[in-house]
Amino acid sequence: MRLPPIPPQDLTGDQRRLYETLQAGIAKQFGGFQTARADGALLGPFNPWLHEPEIGQAVWDLTEAVSKRGALTDAARQVAILVTGSRFKAAYELYAHVQVALEKGLKEDKVATIVAGQRPSDLTAEEAAVFDAASNLNAGGVLPRPVYDRVVAAFGAGGVSELIHLVGLYAMVCITLNGFDVPVPEQQVDPAP
């Protein structure tokens, strides 16, 4: 871990404003995984964002904008996020979104196969379209037209736009996590009381 989590009492004014925004958004959008230490210091990508609040606020605004779209099903969103986390081998991202994917109804073996970097054989047609699109986007290059068309057929033009932005957002989150060597919560030590 290259950036120490910031205890709430040590936050600057800009950091405090972002911290409060993040806490409210986390409570609304993310459950089932640890996002803070016992002392309230944020973990995961939230900590690097607090270290650079101007960047952090911009990334959070993008996160909220992409999250509000709603064209993709919950399962499809999680497939795309897990494909991206697996591509970048981002430990915290996989830790968090495995939990979210299970909560959203994806079966454990399907999640495990995606996290292993493989394509499950039991994907629904919608999940398969998203898996293939996210895999192609993460590999680089132009998204092939037949893959693009399958996502449009499944979710409409708004859905393919949401998917492309979602994959780009989570690629950035994964790069942030990997660049700052952000571990899963179990690998972080809470400060002594």
N, C-alpha and C. Protein backbone atom coordinates (compact mmCIF):
# COMPACT_ATOMS: atom_id res chain seq x y z
N MET A 1 0.85 -1.17 0.00
CA MET A 1 0.00 0.00 0.00
C MET A 1 0.90 1.23 0.00
N ARG A 2 0.71 2.06 -1.00
CA ARG A 2 1.60 3.21 -1.16
C ARG A 2 1.03 4.50 -0.59
N LEU A 3 -0.26 4.56 -0.37
CA LEU A 3 -0.89 5.74 0.22
C LEU A 3 -1.59 5.33 1.51
N PRO A 4 -1.14 5.82 2.63
CA PRO A 4 -1.79 5.43 3.88
C PRO A 4 -3.22 5.97 3.94
N PRO A 5 -4.16 5.15 4.42
CA PRO A 5 -5.52 5.66 4.61
C PRO A 5 -5.50 6.87 5.55
N ILE A 6 -6.36 7.82 5.28
CA ILE A 6 -6.38 9.07 6.06
C ILE A 6 -7.50 9.00 7.09
N PRO A 7 -7.16 9.02 8.39
CA PRO A 7 -8.21 9.06 9.41
C PRO A 7 -9.04 10.33 9.24
N PRO A 8 -10.34 10.26 9.48
CA PRO A 8 -11.21 11.43 9.28
C PRO A 8 -10.73 12.71 9.97
N GLN A 9 -10.15 12.59 11.15
CA GLN A 9 -9.71 13.79 11.87
C GLN A 9 -8.51 14.47 11.20
N ASP A 10 -7.85 13.79 10.27
CA ASP A 10 -6.68 14.35 9.59
C ASP A 10 -7.00 14.91 8.20
N LEU A 11 -8.25 14.90 7.80
CA LEU A 11 -8.63 15.36 6.47
C LEU A 11 -8.56 16.89 6.37
N THR A 12 -8.13 17.40 5.21
CA THR A 12 -8.19 18.83 4.93
C THR A 12 -9.64 19.19 4.57
N GLY A 13 -9.90 20.46 4.35
CA GLY A 13 -11.26 20.89 3.99
C GLY A 13 -11.78 20.23 2.73
N ASP A 14 -10.98 20.24 1.65
CA ASP A 14 -11.41 19.62 0.39
C ASP A 14 -11.57 18.11 0.56
N GLN A 15 -10.66 17.51 1.30
CA GLN A 15 -10.76 16.07 1.55
C GLN A 15 -12.01 15.76 2.37
N ARG A 16 -12.33 16.58 3.34
CA ARG A 16 -13.51 16.37 4.19
C ARG A 16 -14.77 16.41 3.35
N ARG A 17 -14.87 17.38 2.44
CA ARG A 17 -16.07 17.48 1.59
C ARG A 17 -16.21 16.23 0.72
N LEU A 18 -15.11 15.79 0.13
CA LEU A 18 -15.16 14.58 -0.70
C LEU A 18 -15.46 13.37 0.16
N TYR A 19 -14.87 13.27 1.33
CA TYR A 19 -15.11 12.16 2.25
C TYR A 19 -16.62 12.03 2.53
N GLU A 20 -17.26 13.14 2.84
CA GLU A 20 -18.69 13.11 3.13
C GLU A 20 -19.51 12.70 1.91
N THR A 21 -19.12 13.18 0.74
CA THR A 21 -19.78 12.78 -0.50
C THR A 21 -19.62 11.29 -0.74
N LEU A 22 -18.38 10.81 -0.57
CA LEU A 22 -18.10 9.38 -0.79
C LEU A 22 -18.87 8.53 0.21
N GLN A 23 -18.86 8.91 1.46
CA GLN A 23 -19.59 8.12 2.46
C GLN A 23 -21.07 8.00 2.11
N ALA A 24 -21.68 9.10 1.71
CA ALA A 24 -23.10 9.06 1.34
C ALA A 24 -23.32 8.16 0.12
N GLY A 25 -22.46 8.28 -0.88
CA GLY A 25 -22.59 7.46 -2.09
C GLY A 25 -22.32 6.00 -1.84
N ILE A 26 -21.32 5.71 -1.01
CA ILE A 26 -21.00 4.32 -0.67
C ILE A 26 -22.18 3.68 0.04
N ALA A 27 -22.77 4.40 0.98
CA ALA A 27 -23.92 3.87 1.73
C ALA A 27 -25.09 3.56 0.80
N LYS A 28 -25.24 4.37 -0.24
CA LYS A 28 -26.36 4.21 -1.18
C LYS A 28 -26.09 3.11 -2.22
N GLN A 29 -24.84 2.99 -2.69
CA GLN A 29 -24.55 2.13 -3.83
C GLN A 29 -23.84 0.83 -3.50
N PHE A 30 -23.01 0.83 -2.47
CA PHE A 30 -22.14 -0.31 -2.24
C PHE A 30 -22.37 -0.89 -0.86
N GLY A 31 -22.65 -2.17 -0.82
CA GLY A 31 -22.77 -2.88 0.44
C GLY A 31 -22.11 -4.23 0.29
N GLY A 32 -21.92 -4.91 1.39
CA GLY A 32 -21.39 -6.26 1.33
C GLY A 32 -19.89 -6.37 1.33
N PHE A 33 -19.19 -5.26 1.27
CA PHE A 33 -17.74 -5.33 1.34
C PHE A 33 -17.23 -4.13 2.15
N GLN A 34 -16.05 -4.29 2.69
CA GLN A 34 -15.49 -3.29 3.59
C GLN A 34 -14.91 -2.12 2.79
N THR A 35 -15.37 -0.91 3.12
CA THR A 35 -14.91 0.30 2.44
C THR A 35 -14.17 1.24 3.38
N ALA A 36 -14.12 0.92 4.68
CA ALA A 36 -13.44 1.78 5.65
C ALA A 36 -12.87 0.96 6.79
N ARG A 37 -11.83 1.52 7.40
CA ARG A 37 -11.28 0.91 8.61
C ARG A 37 -12.18 1.26 9.79
N ALA A 38 -11.89 0.67 10.92
CA ALA A 38 -12.67 0.94 12.14
C ALA A 38 -12.63 2.41 12.52
N ASP A 39 -11.52 3.10 12.22
CA ASP A 39 -11.41 4.52 12.57
C ASP A 39 -12.07 5.45 11.55
N GLY A 40 -12.70 4.87 10.49
CA GLY A 40 -13.39 5.66 9.48
C GLY A 40 -12.57 5.99 8.26
N ALA A 41 -11.27 5.68 8.26
CA ALA A 41 -10.44 5.94 7.08
C ALA A 41 -10.92 5.07 5.92
N LEU A 42 -11.11 5.69 4.75
CA LEU A 42 -11.63 4.96 3.60
C LEU A 42 -10.57 4.08 2.97
N LEU A 43 -11.00 2.97 2.42
CA LEU A 43 -10.13 1.98 1.77
C LEU A 43 -10.45 1.92 0.29
N GLY A 44 -9.83 0.99 -0.40
CA GLY A 44 -10.10 0.78 -1.83
C GLY A 44 -9.71 2.00 -2.64
N PRO A 45 -10.41 2.26 -3.75
CA PRO A 45 -10.07 3.41 -4.58
C PRO A 45 -10.41 4.73 -3.91
N PHE A 46 -11.26 4.67 -2.90
CA PHE A 46 -11.70 5.89 -2.22
C PHE A 46 -10.53 6.59 -1.53
N ASN A 47 -9.57 5.83 -1.01
CA ASN A 47 -8.42 6.44 -0.35
C ASN A 47 -7.55 7.23 -1.33
N PRO A 48 -7.13 6.66 -2.48
CA PRO A 48 -6.36 7.48 -3.42
C PRO A 48 -7.13 8.72 -3.88
N TRP A 49 -8.45 8.60 -4.03
CA TRP A 49 -9.24 9.76 -4.44
C TRP A 49 -9.19 10.84 -3.37
N LEU A 50 -9.19 10.45 -2.10
CA LEU A 50 -9.10 11.44 -1.03
C LEU A 50 -7.75 12.14 -1.02
N HIS A 51 -6.71 11.43 -1.39
CA HIS A 51 -5.38 12.05 -1.44
C HIS A 51 -5.30 13.14 -2.50
N GLU A 52 -6.11 13.03 -3.54
CA GLU A 52 -6.19 14.03 -4.61
C GLU A 52 -7.66 14.39 -4.81
N PRO A 53 -8.23 15.21 -3.92
CA PRO A 53 -9.68 15.42 -3.94
C PRO A 53 -10.25 16.00 -5.23
N GLU A 54 -9.49 16.80 -5.95
CA GLU A 54 -10.01 17.34 -7.20
C GLU A 54 -10.20 16.22 -8.21
N ILE A 55 -9.23 15.33 -8.31
CA ILE A 55 -9.35 14.17 -9.20
C ILE A 55 -10.41 13.22 -8.64
N GLY A 56 -10.35 12.97 -7.35
CA GLY A 56 -11.30 12.06 -6.71
C GLY A 56 -12.74 12.47 -6.93
N GLN A 57 -13.02 13.76 -6.82
CA GLN A 57 -14.38 14.25 -7.04
C GLN A 57 -14.82 14.01 -8.48
N ALA A 58 -13.92 14.27 -9.41
CA ALA A 58 -14.24 14.06 -10.83
C ALA A 58 -14.52 12.58 -11.12
N VAL A 59 -13.71 11.69 -10.55
CA VAL A 59 -13.93 10.25 -10.77
C VAL A 59 -15.24 9.82 -10.12
N TRP A 60 -15.52 10.34 -8.92
CA TRP A 60 -16.78 9.99 -8.26
C TRP A 60 -17.97 10.49 -9.07
N ASP A 61 -17.88 11.70 -9.62
CA ASP A 61 -18.97 12.22 -10.44
C ASP A 61 -19.22 11.30 -11.64
N LEU A 62 -18.14 10.82 -12.27
CA LEU A 62 -18.28 9.88 -13.38
C LEU A 62 -18.90 8.57 -12.90
N THR A 63 -18.47 8.09 -11.75
CA THR A 63 -19.02 6.85 -11.18
C THR A 63 -20.53 6.98 -10.99
N GLU A 64 -20.95 8.09 -10.43
CA GLU A 64 -22.39 8.30 -10.20
C GLU A 64 -23.14 8.43 -11.52
N ALA A 65 -22.56 9.13 -12.49
CA ALA A 65 -23.24 9.31 -13.79
C ALA A 65 -23.43 7.97 -14.48
N VAL A 66 -22.40 7.13 -14.48
CA VAL A 66 -22.50 5.83 -15.13
C VAL A 66 -23.47 4.93 -14.35
N SER A 67 -23.45 5.02 -13.03
CA SER A 67 -24.32 4.17 -12.20
C SER A 67 -25.79 4.50 -12.37
N LYS A 68 -26.11 5.74 -12.68
CA LYS A 68 -27.51 6.17 -12.79
C LYS A 68 -28.16 5.80 -14.11
N ARG A 69 -27.38 5.37 -15.08
CA ARG A 69 -27.91 5.12 -16.42
C ARG A 69 -29.03 4.08 -16.41
N GLY A 70 -28.75 2.92 -15.86
CA GLY A 70 -29.78 1.90 -15.70
C GLY A 70 -30.18 1.10 -16.93
N ALA A 71 -29.47 1.23 -18.02
CA ALA A 71 -29.82 0.44 -19.21
C ALA A 71 -29.40 -1.02 -19.05
N LEU A 72 -28.28 -1.25 -18.37
CA LEU A 72 -27.79 -2.62 -18.14
C LEU A 72 -28.46 -3.22 -16.91
N THR A 73 -28.66 -4.52 -16.94
CA THR A 73 -29.15 -5.20 -15.74
C THR A 73 -28.02 -5.25 -14.71
N ASP A 74 -28.37 -5.49 -13.45
CA ASP A 74 -27.36 -5.61 -12.40
C ASP A 74 -26.36 -6.72 -12.73
N ALA A 75 -26.87 -7.85 -13.20
CA ALA A 75 -25.98 -8.97 -13.54
C ALA A 75 -25.02 -8.58 -14.66
N ALA A 76 -25.53 -7.92 -15.68
CA ALA A 76 -24.69 -7.52 -16.81
C ALA A 76 -23.60 -6.54 -16.35
N ARG A 77 -23.97 -5.59 -15.50
CA ARG A 77 -22.98 -4.64 -14.97
C ARG A 77 -21.86 -5.38 -14.25
N GLN A 78 -22.25 -6.33 -13.42
CA GLN A 78 -21.24 -7.05 -12.63
C GLN A 78 -20.36 -7.93 -13.52
N VAL A 79 -20.92 -8.51 -14.55
CA VAL A 79 -20.10 -9.28 -15.49
C VAL A 79 -19.03 -8.37 -16.09
N ALA A 80 -19.42 -7.19 -16.56
CA ALA A 80 -18.46 -6.26 -17.16
C ALA A 80 -17.39 -5.82 -16.16
N ILE A 81 -17.79 -5.54 -14.94
CA ILE A 81 -16.85 -5.11 -13.91
C ILE A 81 -15.89 -6.23 -13.55
N LEU A 82 -16.41 -7.45 -13.41
CA LEU A 82 -15.53 -8.58 -13.08
C LEU A 82 -14.56 -8.91 -14.21
N VAL A 83 -15.03 -8.82 -15.45
CA VAL A 83 -14.13 -9.05 -16.60
C VAL A 83 -12.99 -8.03 -16.54
N THR A 84 -13.32 -6.79 -16.24
CA THR A 84 -12.31 -5.73 -16.19
C THR A 84 -11.37 -5.94 -15.00
N GLY A 85 -11.92 -6.23 -13.84
CA GLY A 85 -11.08 -6.50 -12.67
C GLY A 85 -10.15 -7.67 -12.89
N SER A 86 -10.65 -8.70 -13.56
CA SER A 86 -9.84 -9.87 -13.86
C SER A 86 -8.73 -9.53 -14.83
N ARG A 87 -9.03 -8.74 -15.83
CA ARG A 87 -8.03 -8.33 -16.83
C ARG A 87 -6.87 -7.60 -16.17
N PHE A 88 -7.19 -6.73 -15.21
CA PHE A 88 -6.16 -5.93 -14.55
C PHE A 88 -5.63 -6.58 -13.27
N LYS A 89 -6.24 -7.69 -12.86
CA LYS A 89 -5.84 -8.38 -11.63
C LYS A 89 -5.80 -7.42 -10.44
N ALA A 90 -6.83 -6.62 -10.33
CA ALA A 90 -6.94 -5.62 -9.26
C ALA A 90 -7.60 -6.28 -8.05
N ALA A 91 -6.78 -6.55 -7.05
CA ALA A 91 -7.23 -7.33 -5.88
C ALA A 91 -8.45 -6.74 -5.19
N TYR A 92 -8.42 -5.45 -4.88
CA TYR A 92 -9.55 -4.86 -4.16
C TYR A 92 -10.80 -4.84 -5.03
N GLU A 93 -10.65 -4.56 -6.30
CA GLU A 93 -11.81 -4.54 -7.20
C GLU A 93 -12.48 -5.90 -7.25
N LEU A 94 -11.68 -6.94 -7.38
CA LEU A 94 -12.24 -8.29 -7.41
C LEU A 94 -12.85 -8.65 -6.07
N TYR A 95 -12.18 -8.32 -4.98
CA TYR A 95 -12.72 -8.56 -3.64
C TYR A 95 -14.12 -7.94 -3.51
N ALA A 96 -14.23 -6.67 -3.88
CA ALA A 96 -15.48 -5.93 -3.70
C ALA A 96 -16.57 -6.44 -4.63
N HIS A 97 -16.25 -6.59 -5.91
CA HIS A 97 -17.31 -6.88 -6.88
C HIS A 97 -17.66 -8.36 -6.96
N VAL A 98 -16.85 -9.24 -6.42
CA VAL A 98 -17.31 -10.62 -6.23
C VAL A 98 -18.49 -10.60 -5.27
N GLN A 99 -18.35 -9.84 -4.19
CA GLN A 99 -19.44 -9.74 -3.20
C GLN A 99 -20.69 -9.13 -3.83
N VAL A 100 -20.51 -8.05 -4.57
CA VAL A 100 -21.65 -7.39 -5.20
C VAL A 100 -22.32 -8.33 -6.21
N ALA A 101 -21.52 -9.01 -7.02
CA ALA A 101 -22.07 -9.91 -8.03
C ALA A 101 -22.90 -11.02 -7.39
N LEU A 102 -22.40 -11.57 -6.30
CA LEU A 102 -23.15 -12.62 -5.60
C LEU A 102 -24.45 -12.06 -5.04
N GLU A 103 -24.40 -10.85 -4.49
CA GLU A 103 -25.62 -10.21 -3.98
C GLU A 103 -26.62 -9.94 -5.08
N LYS A 104 -26.13 -9.65 -6.29
CA LYS A 104 -27.01 -9.36 -7.43
C LYS A 104 -27.52 -10.62 -8.11
N GLY A 105 -27.16 -11.79 -7.59
CA GLY A 105 -27.73 -13.03 -8.08
C GLY A 105 -26.88 -13.86 -9.01
N LEU A 106 -25.67 -13.43 -9.32
CA LEU A 106 -24.80 -14.27 -10.14
C LEU A 106 -24.35 -15.47 -9.31
N LYS A 107 -24.33 -16.62 -9.91
CA LYS A 107 -23.94 -17.85 -9.21
C LYS A 107 -22.44 -17.86 -8.95
N GLU A 108 -22.07 -18.49 -7.83
CA GLU A 108 -20.68 -18.50 -7.39
C GLU A 108 -19.74 -19.10 -8.44
N ASP A 109 -20.15 -20.19 -9.09
CA ASP A 109 -19.26 -20.79 -10.09
C ASP A 109 -19.08 -19.89 -11.31
N LYS A 110 -20.13 -19.16 -11.68
CA LYS A 110 -20.04 -18.23 -12.80
C LYS A 110 -19.07 -17.09 -12.45
N VAL A 111 -19.20 -16.56 -11.25
CA VAL A 111 -18.32 -15.49 -10.78
C VAL A 111 -16.87 -15.98 -10.75
N ALA A 112 -16.66 -17.17 -10.21
CA ALA A 112 -15.30 -17.72 -10.10
C ALA A 112 -14.67 -17.91 -11.47
N THR A 113 -15.45 -18.34 -12.44
CA THR A 113 -14.93 -18.55 -13.79
C THR A 113 -14.53 -17.21 -14.42
N ILE A 114 -15.35 -16.18 -14.25
CA ILE A 114 -15.02 -14.86 -14.79
C ILE A 114 -13.76 -14.31 -14.13
N VAL A 115 -13.69 -14.42 -12.81
CA VAL A 115 -12.52 -13.92 -12.07
C VAL A 115 -11.24 -14.65 -12.51
N ALA A 116 -11.39 -15.90 -12.90
CA ALA A 116 -10.24 -16.68 -13.40
C ALA A 116 -9.86 -16.29 -14.82
N GLY A 117 -10.60 -15.36 -15.42
CA GLY A 117 -10.28 -14.89 -16.76
C GLY A 117 -10.85 -15.74 -17.86
N GLN A 118 -11.86 -16.56 -17.53
CA GLN A 118 -12.46 -17.44 -18.52
C GLN A 118 -13.93 -17.07 -18.74
N ARG A 119 -14.47 -17.56 -19.84
CA ARG A 119 -15.87 -17.30 -20.19
C ARG A 119 -16.73 -18.45 -19.70
N PRO A 120 -17.65 -18.19 -18.77
CA PRO A 120 -18.54 -19.26 -18.31
C PRO A 120 -19.41 -19.79 -19.45
N SER A 121 -19.72 -21.07 -19.40
CA SER A 121 -20.53 -21.68 -20.45
C SER A 121 -22.02 -21.42 -20.24
N ASP A 122 -22.40 -20.97 -19.04
CA ASP A 122 -23.83 -20.79 -18.73
C ASP A 122 -24.27 -19.33 -18.68
N LEU A 123 -23.60 -18.46 -19.41
CA LEU A 123 -24.02 -17.06 -19.46
C LEU A 123 -25.35 -16.94 -20.19
N THR A 124 -26.20 -16.04 -19.74
CA THR A 124 -27.40 -15.72 -20.51
C THR A 124 -26.95 -15.00 -21.78
N ALA A 125 -27.86 -14.82 -22.71
CA ALA A 125 -27.50 -14.11 -23.95
C ALA A 125 -27.03 -12.68 -23.66
N GLU A 126 -27.70 -12.01 -22.72
CA GLU A 126 -27.30 -10.65 -22.35
C GLU A 126 -25.93 -10.65 -21.69
N GLU A 127 -25.71 -11.57 -20.75
CA GLU A 127 -24.42 -11.66 -20.06
C GLU A 127 -23.30 -11.98 -21.05
N ALA A 128 -23.58 -12.87 -22.01
CA ALA A 128 -22.58 -13.24 -23.00
C ALA A 128 -22.19 -12.04 -23.86
N ALA A 129 -23.18 -11.25 -24.26
CA ALA A 129 -22.90 -10.05 -25.06
C ALA A 129 -22.00 -9.09 -24.28
N VAL A 130 -22.32 -8.91 -23.02
CA VAL A 130 -21.52 -8.01 -22.17
C VAL A 130 -20.13 -8.59 -21.92
N PHE A 131 -20.06 -9.89 -21.63
CA PHE A 131 -18.76 -10.52 -21.40
C PHE A 131 -17.86 -10.33 -22.63
N ASP A 132 -18.39 -10.61 -23.80
CA ASP A 132 -17.60 -10.52 -25.02
C ASP A 132 -17.18 -9.08 -25.29
N ALA A 133 -18.09 -8.13 -25.08
CA ALA A 133 -17.75 -6.72 -25.31
C ALA A 133 -16.70 -6.25 -24.31
N ALA A 134 -16.88 -6.56 -23.03
CA ALA A 134 -15.91 -6.14 -22.01
C ALA A 134 -14.55 -6.79 -22.27
N SER A 135 -14.54 -8.04 -22.66
CA SER A 135 -13.28 -8.73 -22.96
C SER A 135 -12.57 -8.08 -24.13
N ASN A 136 -13.31 -7.76 -25.18
CA ASN A 136 -12.73 -7.10 -26.35
C ASN A 136 -12.22 -5.71 -26.01
N LEU A 137 -13.00 -4.94 -25.27
CA LEU A 137 -12.57 -3.59 -24.89
C LEU A 137 -11.29 -3.64 -24.05
N ASN A 138 -11.23 -4.58 -23.13
CA ASN A 138 -10.05 -4.70 -22.28
C ASN A 138 -8.82 -5.21 -23.03
N ALA A 139 -9.02 -5.86 -24.16
CA ALA A 139 -7.90 -6.36 -24.96
C ALA A 139 -7.29 -5.25 -25.82
N GLY A 140 -8.02 -4.15 -26.00
CA GLY A 140 -7.54 -3.05 -26.83
C GLY A 140 -8.04 -3.16 -28.25
N GLY A 141 -8.00 -2.08 -28.96
CA GLY A 141 -8.47 -2.05 -30.33
C GLY A 141 -9.94 -1.70 -30.43
N VAL A 142 -10.43 -1.65 -31.64
CA VAL A 142 -11.82 -1.31 -31.91
C VAL A 142 -12.73 -2.47 -31.51
N LEU A 143 -13.83 -2.14 -30.87
CA LEU A 143 -14.82 -3.15 -30.51
C LEU A 143 -15.42 -3.70 -31.82
N PRO A 144 -15.30 -5.01 -32.06
CA PRO A 144 -15.81 -5.57 -33.32
C PRO A 144 -17.31 -5.30 -33.50
N ARG A 145 -17.70 -5.01 -34.72
CA ARG A 145 -19.09 -4.65 -35.02
C ARG A 145 -20.09 -5.73 -34.59
N PRO A 146 -19.83 -7.02 -34.81
CA PRO A 146 -20.81 -8.02 -34.38
C PRO A 146 -21.01 -8.03 -32.86
N VAL A 147 -19.96 -7.78 -32.11
CA VAL A 147 -20.06 -7.74 -30.65
C VAL A 147 -20.84 -6.49 -30.23
N TYR A 148 -20.50 -5.37 -30.83
CA TYR A 148 -21.22 -4.11 -30.58
C TYR A 148 -22.71 -4.30 -30.86
N ASP A 149 -23.03 -4.90 -32.02
CA ASP A 149 -24.42 -5.09 -32.42
C ASP A 149 -25.17 -6.00 -31.43
N ARG A 150 -24.50 -7.02 -30.88
CA ARG A 150 -25.15 -7.89 -29.90
C ARG A 150 -25.52 -7.13 -28.63
N VAL A 151 -24.66 -6.22 -28.19
CA VAL A 151 -24.98 -5.41 -27.01
C VAL A 151 -26.13 -4.46 -27.32
N VAL A 152 -26.12 -3.86 -28.50
CA VAL A 152 -27.22 -2.98 -28.90
C VAL A 152 -28.53 -3.77 -28.95
N ALA A 153 -28.49 -4.98 -29.49
CA ALA A 153 -29.70 -5.81 -29.56
C ALA A 153 -30.21 -6.15 -28.16
N ALA A 154 -29.32 -6.35 -27.23
CA ALA A 154 -29.71 -6.73 -25.87
C ALA A 154 -30.16 -5.55 -25.03
N PHE A 155 -29.50 -4.39 -25.19
CA PHE A 155 -29.72 -3.27 -24.27
C PHE A 155 -29.99 -1.93 -24.94
N GLY A 156 -29.99 -1.88 -26.26
CA GLY A 156 -30.23 -0.63 -26.97
C GLY A 156 -28.97 0.22 -27.06
N ALA A 157 -29.10 1.35 -27.78
CA ALA A 157 -27.97 2.25 -27.97
C ALA A 157 -27.48 2.81 -26.64
N GLY A 158 -28.41 3.12 -25.75
CA GLY A 158 -28.02 3.61 -24.43
C GLY A 158 -27.27 2.57 -23.63
N GLY A 159 -27.61 1.31 -23.83
CA GLY A 159 -26.94 0.23 -23.11
C GLY A 159 -25.50 0.03 -23.57
N VAL A 160 -25.26 0.12 -24.87
CA VAL A 160 -23.89 -0.05 -25.34
C VAL A 160 -23.04 1.14 -24.89
N SER A 161 -23.62 2.33 -24.88
CA SER A 161 -22.91 3.50 -24.38
C SER A 161 -22.57 3.33 -22.90
N GLU A 162 -23.56 2.91 -22.13
CA GLU A 162 -23.32 2.67 -20.70
C GLU A 162 -22.22 1.64 -20.50
N LEU A 163 -22.26 0.57 -21.25
CA LEU A 163 -21.27 -0.50 -21.11
C LEU A 163 -19.86 0.00 -21.42
N ILE A 164 -19.71 0.72 -22.51
CA ILE A 164 -18.39 1.22 -22.90
C ILE A 164 -17.84 2.16 -21.82
N HIS A 165 -18.68 3.05 -21.33
CA HIS A 165 -18.24 3.96 -20.27
C HIS A 165 -17.96 3.22 -18.96
N LEU A 166 -18.76 2.21 -18.67
CA LEU A 166 -18.56 1.41 -17.46
C LEU A 166 -17.21 0.69 -17.48
N VAL A 167 -16.91 0.06 -18.60
CA VAL A 167 -15.63 -0.65 -18.73
C VAL A 167 -14.47 0.34 -18.63
N GLY A 168 -14.58 1.49 -19.28
CA GLY A 168 -13.53 2.50 -19.18
C GLY A 168 -13.35 3.00 -17.76
N LEU A 169 -14.46 3.24 -17.08
CA LEU A 169 -14.40 3.69 -15.68
C LEU A 169 -13.70 2.66 -14.80
N TYR A 170 -14.11 1.41 -14.92
CA TYR A 170 -13.53 0.38 -14.05
C TYR A 170 -12.10 0.03 -14.44
N ALA A 171 -11.73 0.23 -15.69
CA ALA A 171 -10.32 0.09 -16.06
C ALA A 171 -9.50 1.15 -15.33
N MET A 172 -10.02 2.37 -15.29
CA MET A 172 -9.34 3.44 -14.57
C MET A 172 -9.27 3.14 -13.07
N VAL A 173 -10.35 2.64 -12.51
CA VAL A 173 -10.35 2.28 -11.08
C VAL A 173 -9.30 1.20 -10.83
N CYS A 174 -9.25 0.19 -11.68
CA CYS A 174 -8.28 -0.89 -11.51
C CYS A 174 -6.85 -0.39 -11.63
N ILE A 175 -6.60 0.50 -12.56
CA ILE A 175 -5.26 1.06 -12.71
C ILE A 175 -4.90 1.87 -11.48
N THR A 176 -5.84 2.61 -10.94
CA THR A 176 -5.60 3.36 -9.70
C THR A 176 -5.24 2.40 -8.57
N LEU A 177 -6.03 1.35 -8.41
CA LEU A 177 -5.78 0.38 -7.35
C LEU A 177 -4.41 -0.28 -7.51
N ASN A 178 -4.09 -0.68 -8.73
CA ASN A 178 -2.81 -1.33 -8.98
C ASN A 178 -1.64 -0.36 -8.85
N GLY A 179 -1.80 0.85 -9.34
CA GLY A 179 -0.73 1.83 -9.28
C GLY A 179 -0.35 2.19 -7.85
N PHE A 180 -1.35 2.25 -6.98
CA PHE A 180 -1.11 2.58 -5.58
C PHE A 180 -1.02 1.33 -4.70
N ASP A 181 -1.01 0.15 -5.34
CA ASP A 181 -0.85 -1.12 -4.64
C ASP A 181 -1.85 -1.24 -3.48
N VAL A 182 -3.12 -1.03 -3.80
CA VAL A 182 -4.18 -1.08 -2.78
C VAL A 182 -4.57 -2.53 -2.53
N PRO A 183 -4.37 -3.02 -1.32
CA PRO A 183 -4.68 -4.41 -1.01
C PRO A 183 -6.14 -4.59 -0.60
N VAL A 184 -6.53 -5.84 -0.44
CA VAL A 184 -7.84 -6.14 0.14
C VAL A 184 -7.80 -5.76 1.61
N PRO A 185 -8.95 -5.49 2.22
CA PRO A 185 -8.96 -5.02 3.61
C PRO A 185 -8.21 -5.91 4.60
N GLU A 186 -8.27 -7.23 4.41
CA GLU A 186 -7.61 -8.12 5.35
C GLU A 186 -6.09 -7.92 5.40
N GLN A 187 -5.54 -7.31 4.36
CA GLN A 187 -4.11 -7.07 4.30
C GLN A 187 -3.73 -5.68 4.83
N GLN A 188 -4.71 -4.95 5.33
CA GLN A 188 -4.46 -3.64 5.90
C GLN A 188 -4.66 -3.71 7.42
N VAL A 189 -3.79 -3.09 8.12
CA VAL A 189 -3.84 -3.14 9.58
C VAL A 189 -4.55 -1.90 10.09
N ASP A 190 -5.54 -2.11 10.94
CA ASP A 190 -6.20 -0.99 11.61
C ASP A 190 -5.24 -0.41 12.63
N PRO A 191 -5.25 0.90 12.80
CA PRO A 191 -4.38 1.50 13.80
C PRO A 191 -4.79 1.07 15.20
N ALA A 192 -3.84 1.06 16.10
CA ALA A 192 -4.12 0.66 17.48
C ALA A 192 -5.08 1.69 18.09
N PRO A 193 -6.04 1.22 18.92
CA PRO A 193 -7.01 2.16 19.51
C PRO A 193 -6.35 3.09 20.51
